[in-house]
Amino acid sequence: MARVALITGIAGQDGSYLAELLLSRGYEVHGILRKATLEDKRGKLNNIEHILDRVHLHAAVVENHLSMNKVVAEIMPNECYHLASSSFVSYDFDDEVSLLQNNFMATHALLAAIHQTAPECRIYFAGSSEMFGEAEVSPQDERTPFNPRSIYGISKLAAFHLVRNYREHKGLFLSTGISYNHESVRRGHKFVTRKVSTAVAKIYLGITDTLELGNIDAYRDWGYAPDYVKAMHAMLQQDDPDDYVIATGVSRSIRELLDAAFSVVNLDYDNFLKIDTAHYRPSEKLILCGNFSKAQSELGWKPSKSFGQMIEEMVEYDVNSLKEKT
């Protein structure tokens, strides 16, 4: 009998790749979406359009306890991957309620529903490197103290502690992946990697001649999203639940990102780049960079695609997509 998996955030970058992975391994895959998304798709299901006939979608409000109880009772999943969240990192405290609802209250509603209805279900929680925030050491691992500085990081850390509480005091099988930035052709256009790859494609095709960015000497540990969902699945196949840093162990600057992306089309980014200090984030004392040695030793996981290969794939995808539209 096929194992049953439930994915919150199934239409997002990670959710779509995870759904593909689970389908390839014989799972019955269910996904939760907001009713408005199901009724008014308008491109919101692009990432899973090719597998819509193979997954089961459910309309639910993730932060609503009654809604989650109903869905979990109907599905009775063996595994649950909680990926849904407000994932864009803001350093402004102007949308705190929404972030806390999406990232903390939704986690509580899901955990409570599973604890009450399907306590044998194994659960993956999507943590974030933003929980480290103003890190005291670099690279960071599972023992590094958390020190979030964005409301996103704060909300994720609050949910992380809730997850630990349900694991340690209620006996649920709960593992957290403390994932660093991971990218792909399915990444949203508001994220810098996709912003760059799309701009490079537009510049190459003569659609625009400018790319506007903030601090190009900011660093991030960028990995390949399809690699990261393999780690998520591996965590729930272990004998015991635990927390793992998922990263590449290498941080690169936005300047390096620009060089890699423009090199794909044999252009020099200096000829097109415009710096706008309004896009600057607060400076970082230490670079966010993950040590994934625990995941490698216990899960047998490591990155498979290089940074250059990933960026090349993204640029080529955006070039071809824009060509089809023009």
C-alpha atoms as a PDB file:
ATOM      1  CA  MET A   1       0.000   0.000   0.000  1.00  0.00           C
ATOM      2  CA  ALA A   2       1.360   3.404  -0.988  1.00  0.00           C
ATOM      3  CA  ARG A   3       2.543   5.738   1.729  1.00  0.00           C
ATOM      4  CA  VAL A   4       0.504   8.927   1.998  1.00  0.00           C
ATOM      5  CA  ALA A   5       2.246  12.296   2.127  1.00  0.00           C
ATOM      6  CA  LEU A   6       0.781  15.711   2.866  1.00  0.00           C
ATOM      7  CA  ILE A   7       2.589  18.860   1.689  1.00  0.00           C
ATOM      8  CA  THR A   8       1.698  22.350   2.786  1.00  0.00           C
ATOM      9  CA  GLY A   9       2.933  24.870   0.242  1.00  0.00           C
ATOM     10  CA  ILE A  10       2.838  22.283  -2.538  1.00  0.00           C
ATOM     11  CA  ALA A  11       2.638  24.903  -5.303  1.00  0.00           C
ATOM     12  CA  GLY A  12       5.839  26.645  -4.211  1.00  0.00           C
ATOM     13  CA  GLN A  13       9.362  25.935  -5.377  1.00  0.00           C
ATOM     14  CA  ASP A  14      10.174  23.326  -2.725  1.00  0.00           C
ATOM     15  CA  GLY A  15       6.681  21.853  -2.602  1.00  0.00           C
ATOM     16  CA  SER A  16       6.606  21.176  -6.329  1.00  0.00           C
ATOM     17  CA  TYR A  17      10.022  19.492  -6.400  1.00  0.00           C
ATOM     18  CA  LEU A  18       9.144  17.470  -3.308  1.00  0.00           C
ATOM     19  CA  ALA A  19       5.857  16.342  -4.867  1.00  0.00           C
ATOM     20  CA  GLU A  20       7.752  15.130  -7.928  1.00  0.00           C
ATOM     21  CA  LEU A  21      10.241  13.258  -5.753  1.00  0.00           C
ATOM     22  CA  LEU A  22       7.547  11.563  -3.693  1.00  0.00           C
ATOM     23  CA  LEU A  23       5.527  10.585  -6.770  1.00  0.00           C
ATOM     24  CA  SER A  24       8.641   9.019  -8.272  1.00  0.00           C
ATOM     25  CA  ARG A  25       8.936   6.911  -5.126  1.00  0.00           C
ATOM     26  CA  GLY A  26       5.364   5.657  -5.233  1.00  0.00           C
ATOM     27  CA  TYR A  27       3.722   7.955  -2.687  1.00  0.00           C
ATOM     28  CA  GLU A  28       0.126   9.117  -2.757  1.00  0.00           C
ATOM     29  CA  VAL A  29       0.653  12.869  -2.616  1.00  0.00           C
ATOM     30  CA  HIS A  30      -1.753  15.409  -1.152  1.00  0.00           C
ATOM     31  CA  GLY A  31      -1.285  19.152  -1.046  1.00  0.00           C
ATOM     32  CA  ILE A  32      -2.924  22.007   0.829  1.00  0.00           C
ATOM     33  CA  LEU A  33      -3.736  25.273  -0.908  1.00  0.00           C
ATOM     34  CA  ARG A  34      -5.862  28.233  -0.024  1.00  0.00           C
ATOM     35  CA  LYS A  35      -9.329  28.150  -1.568  1.00  0.00           C
ATOM     36  CA  ALA A  36      -8.655  31.366  -3.483  1.00  0.00           C
ATOM     37  CA  THR A  37      -5.626  29.778  -5.154  1.00  0.00           C
ATOM     38  CA  LEU A  38      -7.594  26.753  -6.269  1.00  0.00           C
ATOM     39  CA  GLU A  39     -10.475  28.822  -7.586  1.00  0.00           C
ATOM     40  CA  ASP A  40      -8.433  31.597  -9.198  1.00  0.00           C
ATOM     41  CA  LYS A  41      -5.202  29.962 -10.330  1.00  0.00           C
ATOM     42  CA  ARG A  42      -3.790  32.728 -12.590  1.00  0.00           C
ATOM     43  CA  GLY A  43      -0.357  31.164 -12.751  1.00  0.00           C
ATOM     44  CA  LYS A  44      -0.194  30.221  -9.076  1.00  0.00           C
ATOM     45  CA  LEU A  45      -0.157  26.521  -9.943  1.00  0.00           C
ATOM     46  CA  ASN A  46       2.456  26.752 -12.697  1.00  0.00           C
ATOM     47  CA  ASN A  47       4.987  24.751 -10.703  1.00  0.00           C
ATOM     48  CA  ILE A  48       2.667  21.753 -10.380  1.00  0.00           C
ATOM     49  CA  GLU A  49       0.646  22.124 -13.572  1.00  0.00           C
ATOM     50  CA  HIS A  50       2.384  19.106 -15.107  1.00  0.00           C
ATOM     51  CA  ILE A  51       1.439  16.833 -12.170  1.00  0.00           C
ATOM     52  CA  LEU A  52      -2.062  18.099 -11.354  1.00  0.00           C
ATOM     53  CA  ASP A  53      -3.549  14.801 -12.512  1.00  0.00           C
ATOM     54  CA  ARG A  54      -1.305  12.890 -10.096  1.00  0.00           C
ATOM     55  CA  VAL A  55      -1.717  14.864  -6.866  1.00  0.00           C
ATOM     56  CA  HIS A  56      -4.714  15.473  -4.624  1.00  0.00           C
ATOM     57  CA  LEU A  57      -5.282  19.126  -3.724  1.00  0.00           C
ATOM     58  CA  HIS A  58      -7.276  20.310  -0.723  1.00  0.00           C
ATOM     59  CA  ALA A  59      -8.557  23.789   0.033  1.00  0.00           C
ATOM     60  CA  ALA A  60      -7.732  24.751   3.617  1.00  0.00           C
ATOM     61  CA  VAL A  61      -6.647  27.647   5.799  1.00  0.00           C
ATOM     62  CA  VAL A  62      -3.389  26.419   7.305  1.00  0.00           C
ATOM     63  CA  GLU A  63      -3.545  28.661  10.368  1.00  0.00           C
ATOM     64  CA  ASN A  64      -7.124  27.573  11.179  1.00  0.00           C
ATOM     65  CA  HIS A  65      -7.343  24.643  13.584  1.00  0.00           C
ATOM     66  CA  LEU A  66     -10.739  23.389  12.434  1.00  0.00           C
ATOM     67  CA  SER A  67      -9.689  23.528   8.804  1.00  0.00           C
ATOM     68  CA  MET A  68      -6.492  21.581   9.480  1.00  0.00           C
ATOM     69  CA  ASN A  69      -8.245  18.995  11.645  1.00  0.00           C
ATOM     70  CA  LYS A  70     -10.657  18.285   8.818  1.00  0.00           C
ATOM     71  CA  VAL A  71      -7.960  17.852   6.178  1.00  0.00           C
ATOM     72  CA  VAL A  72      -5.666  15.712   8.330  1.00  0.00           C
ATOM     73  CA  ALA A  73      -8.561  13.465   9.384  1.00  0.00           C
ATOM     74  CA  GLU A  74      -9.546  13.019   5.737  1.00  0.00           C
ATOM     75  CA  ILE A  75      -6.035  12.240   4.490  1.00  0.00           C
ATOM     76  CA  MET A  76      -4.481  10.420   7.488  1.00  0.00           C
ATOM     77  CA  PRO A  77      -0.957  10.966   6.209  1.00  0.00           C
ATOM     78  CA  ASN A  78       2.090   8.855   7.006  1.00  0.00           C
ATOM     79  CA  GLU A  79       4.376  11.819   6.355  1.00  0.00           C
ATOM     80  CA  CYS A  80       3.759  15.548   6.417  1.00  0.00           C
ATOM     81  CA  TYR A  81       6.035  18.237   5.008  1.00  0.00           C
ATOM     82  CA  HIS A  82       5.256  21.680   6.385  1.00  0.00           C
ATOM     83  CA  LEU A  83       6.709  24.038   3.789  1.00  0.00           C
ATOM     84  CA  ALA A  84       4.050  26.746   3.662  1.00  0.00           C
ATOM     85  CA  SER A  85       5.192  30.079   5.056  1.00  0.00           C
ATOM     86  CA  SER A  86       5.727  33.709   4.238  1.00  0.00           C
ATOM     87  CA  SER A  87       9.202  33.178   2.844  1.00  0.00           C
ATOM     88  CA  PHE A  88      10.344  36.634   1.750  1.00  0.00           C
ATOM     89  CA  VAL A  89      12.732  38.076   4.316  1.00  0.00           C
ATOM     90  CA  SER A  90      11.794  41.589   5.375  1.00  0.00           C
ATOM     91  CA  TYR A  91      13.699  43.727   7.846  1.00  0.00           C
ATOM     92  CA  ASP A  92      10.705  46.000   8.374  1.00  0.00           C
ATOM     93  CA  PHE A  93       8.303  45.390  11.230  1.00  0.00           C
ATOM     94  CA  ASP A  94       5.292  46.533   9.227  1.00  0.00           C
ATOM     95  CA  ASP A  95       3.652  43.146   8.631  1.00  0.00           C
ATOM     96  CA  GLU A  96       4.261  41.307  11.884  1.00  0.00           C
ATOM     97  CA  VAL A  97       0.767  39.892  12.326  1.00  0.00           C
ATOM     98  CA  SER A  98       0.675  38.313   8.871  1.00  0.00           C
ATOM     99  CA  LEU A  99       4.141  36.792   9.258  1.00  0.00           C
ATOM    100  CA  LEU A 100       3.384  35.369  12.681  1.00  0.00           C
ATOM    101  CA  GLN A 101       0.084  33.936  11.505  1.00  0.00           C
ATOM    102  CA  ASN A 102       1.604  32.327   8.441  1.00  0.00           C
ATOM    103  CA  ASN A 103       4.757  31.040  10.088  1.00  0.00           C
ATOM    104  CA  PHE A 104       3.820  30.360  13.708  1.00  0.00           C
ATOM    105  CA  MET A 105       0.060  29.960  14.030  1.00  0.00           C
ATOM    106  CA  ALA A 106      -0.097  27.771  10.926  1.00  0.00           C
ATOM    107  CA  THR A 107       2.581  25.509  12.381  1.00  0.00           C
ATOM    108  CA  HIS A 108       0.643  25.236  15.633  1.00  0.00           C
ATOM    109  CA  ALA A 109      -2.612  24.402  13.855  1.00  0.00           C
ATOM    110  CA  LEU A 110      -0.938  21.674  11.802  1.00  0.00           C
ATOM    111  CA  LEU A 111       0.912  20.105  14.747  1.00  0.00           C
ATOM    112  CA  ALA A 112      -2.200  20.153  16.914  1.00  0.00           C
ATOM    113  CA  ALA A 113      -4.252  18.510  14.170  1.00  0.00           C
ATOM    114  CA  ILE A 114      -1.704  15.748  13.615  1.00  0.00           C
ATOM    115  CA  HIS A 115      -1.239  15.179  17.353  1.00  0.00           C
ATOM    116  CA  GLN A 116      -4.981  14.783  17.763  1.00  0.00           C
ATOM    117  CA  THR A 117      -5.790  12.825  14.599  1.00  0.00           C
ATOM    118  CA  ALA A 118      -2.694  11.128  13.139  1.00  0.00           C
ATOM    119  CA  PRO A 119      -0.041  10.962  15.884  1.00  0.00           C
ATOM    120  CA  GLU A 120       2.023   8.336  14.034  1.00  0.00           C
ATOM    121  CA  CYS A 121       2.596  10.725  11.138  1.00  0.00           C
ATOM    122  CA  ARG A 122       6.197  11.825  10.651  1.00  0.00           C
ATOM    123  CA  ILE A 123       6.567  15.579  10.163  1.00  0.00           C
ATOM    124  CA  TYR A 124       9.178  17.748   8.482  1.00  0.00           C
ATOM    125  CA  PHE A 125       9.337  21.419   9.439  1.00  0.00           C
ATOM    126  CA  ALA A 126      11.041  23.906   7.131  1.00  0.00           C
ATOM    127  CA  GLY A 127      13.360  25.965   9.291  1.00  0.00           C
ATOM    128  CA  SER A 128      15.618  28.692   7.940  1.00  0.00           C
ATOM    129  CA  SER A 129      19.162  30.004   8.175  1.00  0.00           C
ATOM    130  CA  GLU A 130      17.515  33.334   9.030  1.00  0.00           C
ATOM    131  CA  MET A 131      17.018  31.893  12.517  1.00  0.00           C
ATOM    132  CA  PHE A 132      20.783  32.352  12.995  1.00  0.00           C
ATOM    133  CA  GLY A 133      20.506  35.978  11.893  1.00  0.00           C
ATOM    134  CA  GLU A 134      23.388  37.903  13.440  1.00  0.00           C
ATOM    135  CA  ALA A 135      25.420  34.734  13.890  1.00  0.00           C
ATOM    136  CA  GLU A 136      28.259  34.576  16.401  1.00  0.00           C
ATOM    137  CA  VAL A 137      30.312  32.127  14.322  1.00  0.00           C
ATOM    138  CA  SER A 138      30.650  31.154  10.684  1.00  0.00           C
ATOM    139  CA  PRO A 139      29.979  28.600   9.342  1.00  0.00           C
ATOM    140  CA  GLN A 140      26.950  27.698  11.435  1.00  0.00           C
ATOM    141  CA  ASP A 141      25.870  24.218  12.478  1.00  0.00           C
ATOM    142  CA  GLU A 142      23.114  22.680  14.615  1.00  0.00           C
ATOM    143  CA  ARG A 143      24.807  23.858  17.834  1.00  0.00           C
ATOM    144  CA  THR A 144      25.189  27.498  16.789  1.00  0.00           C
ATOM    145  CA  PRO A 145      23.076  29.861  18.950  1.00  0.00           C
ATOM    146  CA  PHE A 146      20.132  31.436  17.188  1.00  0.00           C
ATOM    147  CA  ASN A 147      20.007  35.225  16.955  1.00  0.00           C
ATOM    148  CA  PRO A 148      17.372  36.270  14.383  1.00  0.00           C
ATOM    149  CA  ARG A 149      17.174  39.894  13.309  1.00  0.00           C
ATOM    150  CA  SER A 150      14.276  39.847  10.833  1.00  0.00           C
ATOM    151  CA  ILE A 151      10.637  39.305  11.762  1.00  0.00           C
ATOM    152  CA  TYR A 152      10.725  36.349   9.370  1.00  0.00           C
ATOM    153  CA  GLY A 153      13.608  34.796  11.296  1.00  0.00           C
ATOM    154  CA  ILE A 154      11.861  35.496  14.586  1.00  0.00           C
ATOM    155  CA  SER A 155       8.634  33.838  13.420  1.00  0.00           C
ATOM    156  CA  LYS A 156      10.534  30.812  12.110  1.00  0.00           C
ATOM    157  CA  LEU A 157      12.454  30.459  15.355  1.00  0.00           C
ATOM    158  CA  ALA A 158       9.252  30.639  17.387  1.00  0.00           C
ATOM    159  CA  ALA A 159       7.793  27.861  15.233  1.00  0.00           C
ATOM    160  CA  PHE A 160      11.030  25.872  15.589  1.00  0.00           C
ATOM    161  CA  HIS A 161      10.728  25.928  19.386  1.00  0.00           C
ATOM    162  CA  LEU A 162       7.076  24.899  19.088  1.00  0.00           C
ATOM    163  CA  VAL A 163       8.145  21.962  16.928  1.00  0.00           C
ATOM    164  CA  ARG A 164      10.742  20.921  19.503  1.00  0.00           C
ATOM    165  CA  ASN A 165       8.116  21.134  22.241  1.00  0.00           C
ATOM    166  CA  TYR A 166       5.776  18.813  20.338  1.00  0.00           C
ATOM    167  CA  ARG A 167       8.664  16.410  19.724  1.00  0.00           C
ATOM    168  CA  GLU A 168       9.987  16.341  23.267  1.00  0.00           C
ATOM    169  CA  HIS A 169       6.759  16.592  25.260  1.00  0.00           C
ATOM    170  CA  LYS A 170       4.057  15.163  22.992  1.00  0.00           C
ATOM    171  CA  GLY A 171       6.076  12.427  21.320  1.00  0.00           C
ATOM    172  CA  LEU A 172       5.586  13.376  17.666  1.00  0.00           C
ATOM    173  CA  PHE A 173       8.232  12.452  15.109  1.00  0.00           C
ATOM    174  CA  LEU A 174       9.358  15.931  14.078  1.00  0.00           C
ATOM    175  CA  SER A 175      12.517  16.889  12.193  1.00  0.00           C
ATOM    176  CA  THR A 176      13.583  20.372  11.196  1.00  0.00           C
ATOM    177  CA  GLY A 177      15.688  21.235   8.191  1.00  0.00           C
ATOM    178  CA  ILE A 178      17.579  24.468   8.836  1.00  0.00           C
ATOM    179  CA  SER A 179      17.868  25.257   5.165  1.00  0.00           C
ATOM    180  CA  TYR A 180      20.040  27.956   3.674  1.00  0.00           C
ATOM    181  CA  ASN A 181      19.060  29.751   0.467  1.00  0.00           C
ATOM    182  CA  HIS A 182      18.200  27.327  -2.293  1.00  0.00           C
ATOM    183  CA  GLU A 183      17.303  28.341  -5.812  1.00  0.00           C
ATOM    184  CA  SER A 184      15.998  27.045  -9.129  1.00  0.00           C
ATOM    185  CA  VAL A 185      14.010  28.027 -12.197  1.00  0.00           C
ATOM    186  CA  ARG A 186      10.922  27.863  -9.970  1.00  0.00           C
ATOM    187  CA  ARG A 187      12.192  30.493  -7.553  1.00  0.00           C
ATOM    188  CA  GLY A 188       9.963  33.544  -7.192  1.00  0.00           C
ATOM    189  CA  HIS A 189      11.000  36.649  -9.109  1.00  0.00           C
ATOM    190  CA  LYS A 190      11.324  38.771  -5.949  1.00  0.00           C
ATOM    191  CA  PHE A 191      14.369  36.747  -4.843  1.00  0.00           C
ATOM    192  CA  VAL A 192      17.725  38.075  -5.964  1.00  0.00           C
ATOM    193  CA  THR A 193      18.885  34.999  -7.869  1.00  0.00           C
ATOM    194  CA  ARG A 194      15.778  34.939 -10.040  1.00  0.00           C
ATOM    195  CA  LYS A 195      15.752  38.716 -10.320  1.00  0.00           C
ATOM    196  CA  VAL A 196      19.254  38.496 -11.737  1.00  0.00           C
ATOM    197  CA  SER A 197      18.609  35.546 -14.062  1.00  0.00           C
ATOM    198  CA  THR A 198      15.498  37.198 -15.491  1.00  0.00           C
ATOM    199  CA  ALA A 199      17.249  40.546 -15.952  1.00  0.00           C
ATOM    200  CA  VAL A 200      20.164  38.861 -17.727  1.00  0.00           C
ATOM    201  CA  ALA A 201      17.724  37.176 -20.095  1.00  0.00           C
ATOM    202  CA  LYS A 202      15.944  40.476 -20.796  1.00  0.00           C
ATOM    203  CA  ILE A 203      19.224  42.298 -21.383  1.00  0.00           C
ATOM    204  CA  TYR A 204      20.466  39.549 -23.689  1.00  0.00           C
ATOM    205  CA  LEU A 205      17.239  39.706 -25.718  1.00  0.00           C
ATOM    206  CA  GLY A 206      17.253  43.512 -25.878  1.00  0.00           C
ATOM    207  CA  ILE A 207      14.133  43.942 -23.748  1.00  0.00           C
ATOM    208  CA  THR A 208      15.923  46.101 -21.159  1.00  0.00           C
ATOM    209  CA  ASP A 209      19.403  47.470 -20.589  1.00  0.00           C
ATOM    210  CA  THR A 210      19.549  47.900 -16.810  1.00  0.00           C
ATOM    211  CA  LEU A 211      19.621  45.738 -13.689  1.00  0.00           C
ATOM    212  CA  GLU A 212      19.045  47.557 -10.397  1.00  0.00           C
ATOM    213  CA  LEU A 213      20.376  46.028  -7.179  1.00  0.00           C
ATOM    214  CA  GLY A 214      21.519  47.004  -3.708  1.00  0.00           C
ATOM    215  CA  ASN A 215      24.682  45.815  -1.985  1.00  0.00           C
ATOM    216  CA  ILE A 216      26.392  43.405  -4.354  1.00  0.00           C
ATOM    217  CA  ASP A 217      28.981  42.501  -1.719  1.00  0.00           C
ATOM    218  CA  ALA A 218      26.390  40.744   0.447  1.00  0.00           C
ATOM    219  CA  TYR A 219      26.998  37.006   0.797  1.00  0.00           C
ATOM    220  CA  ARG A 220      24.695  33.983   0.859  1.00  0.00           C
ATOM    221  CA  ASP A 221      25.080  30.215   0.893  1.00  0.00           C
ATOM    222  CA  TRP A 222      23.124  29.300  -2.248  1.00  0.00           C
ATOM    223  CA  GLY A 223      22.185  25.717  -3.043  1.00  0.00           C
ATOM    224  CA  TYR A 224      20.036  23.889  -5.588  1.00  0.00           C
ATOM    225  CA  ALA A 225      16.406  23.388  -4.532  1.00  0.00           C
ATOM    226  CA  PRO A 226      15.919  19.848  -5.949  1.00  0.00           C
ATOM    227  CA  ASP A 227      18.876  18.739  -3.803  1.00  0.00           C
ATOM    228  CA  TYR A 228      17.291  20.187  -0.685  1.00  0.00           C
ATOM    229  CA  VAL A 229      13.993  18.319  -0.996  1.00  0.00           C
ATOM    230  CA  LYS A 230      15.962  15.058  -1.038  1.00  0.00           C
ATOM    231  CA  ALA A 231      17.305  15.983   2.382  1.00  0.00           C
ATOM    232  CA  MET A 232      13.765  16.694   3.613  1.00  0.00           C
ATOM    233  CA  HIS A 233      12.623  13.231   2.587  1.00  0.00           C
ATOM    234  CA  ALA A 234      15.719  11.569   4.050  1.00  0.00           C
ATOM    235  CA  MET A 235      15.065  13.125   7.466  1.00  0.00           C
ATOM    236  CA  LEU A 236      11.726  11.347   7.761  1.00  0.00           C
ATOM    237  CA  GLN A 237      13.263   7.975   6.886  1.00  0.00           C
ATOM    238  CA  GLN A 238      15.573   7.971   9.942  1.00  0.00           C
ATOM    239  CA  ASP A 239      14.958   5.924  13.078  1.00  0.00           C
ATOM    240  CA  ASP A 240      14.758   9.033  15.244  1.00  0.00           C
ATOM    241  CA  PRO A 241      13.780  12.654  14.556  1.00  0.00           C
ATOM    242  CA  ASP A 242      16.431  15.356  14.658  1.00  0.00           C
ATOM    243  CA  ASP A 243      17.430  18.754  13.279  1.00  0.00           C
ATOM    244  CA  TYR A 244      19.821  19.248  10.379  1.00  0.00           C
ATOM    245  CA  VAL A 245      21.568  22.149   8.678  1.00  0.00           C
ATOM    246  CA  ILE A 246      21.096  21.864   4.906  1.00  0.00           C
ATOM    247  CA  ALA A 247      23.571  24.017   3.009  1.00  0.00           C
ATOM    248  CA  THR A 248      26.491  23.932   0.583  1.00  0.00           C
ATOM    249  CA  GLY A 249      29.166  25.133   2.976  1.00  0.00           C
ATOM    250  CA  VAL A 250      30.203  27.856   0.519  1.00  0.00           C
ATOM    251  CA  SER A 251      29.017  31.458   0.602  1.00  0.00           C
ATOM    252  CA  ARG A 252      29.164  33.609  -2.496  1.00  0.00           C
ATOM    253  CA  SER A 253      28.587  37.298  -3.027  1.00  0.00           C
ATOM    254  CA  ILE A 254      25.963  38.851  -5.252  1.00  0.00           C
ATOM    255  CA  ARG A 255      28.928  40.119  -7.261  1.00  0.00           C
ATOM    256  CA  GLU A 256      29.853  36.475  -7.932  1.00  0.00           C
ATOM    257  CA  LEU A 257      26.226  35.749  -8.795  1.00  0.00           C
ATOM    258  CA  LEU A 258      26.278  38.577 -11.337  1.00  0.00           C
ATOM    259  CA  ASP A 259      29.516  37.361 -12.866  1.00  0.00           C
ATOM    260  CA  ALA A 260      28.198  33.798 -13.197  1.00  0.00           C
ATOM    261  CA  ALA A 261      24.851  34.884 -14.658  1.00  0.00           C
ATOM    262  CA  PHE A 262      26.162  37.398 -17.202  1.00  0.00           C
ATOM    263  CA  SER A 263      28.910  34.982 -18.247  1.00  0.00           C
ATOM    264  CA  VAL A 264      26.234  32.606 -19.515  1.00  0.00           C
ATOM    265  CA  VAL A 265      25.403  35.117 -22.269  1.00  0.00           C
ATOM    266  CA  ASN A 266      28.980  36.453 -22.608  1.00  0.00           C
ATOM    267  CA  LEU A 267      28.216  39.905 -21.198  1.00  0.00           C
ATOM    268  CA  ASP A 268      29.884  42.079 -18.551  1.00  0.00           C
ATOM    269  CA  TYR A 269      27.536  43.049 -15.725  1.00  0.00           C
ATOM    270  CA  ASP A 270      29.387  46.337 -15.170  1.00  0.00           C
ATOM    271  CA  ASN A 271      27.830  47.633 -18.391  1.00  0.00           C
ATOM    272  CA  PHE A 272      24.271  47.159 -17.130  1.00  0.00           C
ATOM    273  CA  LEU A 273      24.304  47.360 -13.331  1.00  0.00           C
ATOM    274  CA  LYS A 274      22.748  50.242 -11.406  1.00  0.00           C
ATOM    275  CA  ILE A 275      23.246  50.369  -7.634  1.00  0.00           C
ATOM    276  CA  ASP A 276      20.394  51.672  -5.494  1.00  0.00           C
ATOM    277  CA  THR A 277      21.199  52.039  -1.803  1.00  0.00           C
ATOM    278  CA  ALA A 278      17.463  51.839  -1.026  1.00  0.00           C
ATOM    279  CA  HIS A 279      17.770  48.075  -1.586  1.00  0.00           C
ATOM    280  CA  TYR A 280      20.536  47.667   1.014  1.00  0.00           C
ATOM    281  CA  ARG A 281      19.897  45.370   3.956  1.00  0.00           C
ATOM    282  CA  PRO A 282      21.560  45.841   7.336  1.00  0.00           C
ATOM    283  CA  SER A 283      25.214  44.821   7.159  1.00  0.00           C
ATOM    284  CA  GLU A 284      26.282  41.446   8.562  1.00  0.00           C
ATOM    285  CA  LYS A 285      29.164  40.980  10.972  1.00  0.00           C
ATOM    286  CA  LEU A 286      29.604  37.336  10.000  1.00  0.00           C
ATOM    287  CA  ILE A 287      28.547  35.553   6.833  1.00  0.00           C
ATOM    288  CA  LEU A 288      25.641  33.116   6.890  1.00  0.00           C
ATOM    289  CA  CYS A 289      27.212  29.869   5.731  1.00  0.00           C
ATOM    290  CA  GLY A 290      26.080  26.382   6.706  1.00  0.00           C
ATOM    291  CA  ASN A 291      28.072  23.370   7.872  1.00  0.00           C
ATOM    292  CA  PHE A 292      26.162  20.349   6.537  1.00  0.00           C
ATOM    293  CA  SER A 293      28.513  17.678   7.932  1.00  0.00           C
ATOM    294  CA  LYS A 294      25.810  16.189  10.171  1.00  0.00           C
ATOM    295  CA  ALA A 295      23.427  15.785   7.230  1.00  0.00           C
ATOM    296  CA  GLN A 296      26.218  14.233   5.209  1.00  0.00           C
ATOM    297  CA  SER A 297      27.193  11.717   7.897  1.00  0.00           C
ATOM    298  CA  GLU A 298      23.696  10.779   9.109  1.00  0.00           C
ATOM    299  CA  LEU A 299      21.540  11.256   5.994  1.00  0.00           C
ATOM    300  CA  GLY A 300      24.156  10.543   3.348  1.00  0.00           C
ATOM    301  CA  TRP A 301      23.269  13.905   1.813  1.00  0.00           C
ATOM    302  CA  LYS A 302      25.430  16.398  -0.025  1.00  0.00           C
ATOM    303  CA  PRO A 303      24.861  18.969  -2.794  1.00  0.00           C
ATOM    304  CA  SER A 304      24.940  17.578  -6.325  1.00  0.00           C
ATOM    305  CA  LYS A 305      24.866  20.664  -8.557  1.00  0.00           C
ATOM    306  CA  SER A 306      27.467  23.425  -8.473  1.00  0.00           C
ATOM    307  CA  PHE A 307      26.625  27.092  -8.081  1.00  0.00           C
ATOM    308  CA  GLY A 308      27.714  27.812 -11.659  1.00  0.00           C
ATOM    309  CA  GLN A 309      25.625  24.986 -13.082  1.00  0.00           C
ATOM    310  CA  MET A 310      22.568  26.159 -11.165  1.00  0.00           C
ATOM    311  CA  ILE A 311      22.865  29.775 -12.316  1.00  0.00           C
ATOM    312  CA  GLU A 312      23.475  28.673 -15.903  1.00  0.00           C
ATOM    313  CA  GLU A 313      20.311  26.571 -15.782  1.00  0.00           C
ATOM    314  CA  MET A 314      18.287  29.509 -14.451  1.00  0.00           C
ATOM    315  CA  VAL A 315      19.552  31.990 -17.051  1.00  0.00           C
ATOM    316  CA  GLU A 316      19.031  29.594 -19.941  1.00  0.00           C
ATOM    317  CA  TYR A 317      15.519  28.826 -18.716  1.00  0.00           C
ATOM    318  CA  ASP A 318      14.617  32.525 -18.532  1.00  0.00           C
ATOM    319  CA  VAL A 319      16.105  33.213 -21.958  1.00  0.00           C
ATOM    320  CA  ASN A 320      14.093  30.405 -23.536  1.00  0.00           C
ATOM    321  CA  SER A 321      10.905  31.379 -21.671  1.00  0.00           C
ATOM    322  CA  LEU A 322      11.135  34.986 -22.830  1.00  0.00           C
ATOM    323  CA  LYS A 323      11.847  33.907 -26.393  1.00  0.00           C
ATOM    324  CA  GLU A 324       8.624  31.902 -26.396  1.00  0.00           C
ATOM    325  CA  LYS A 325       6.645  34.935 -25.246  1.00  0.00           C
ATOM    326  CA  THR A 326       8.072  37.344 -27.829  1.00  0.00           C
END
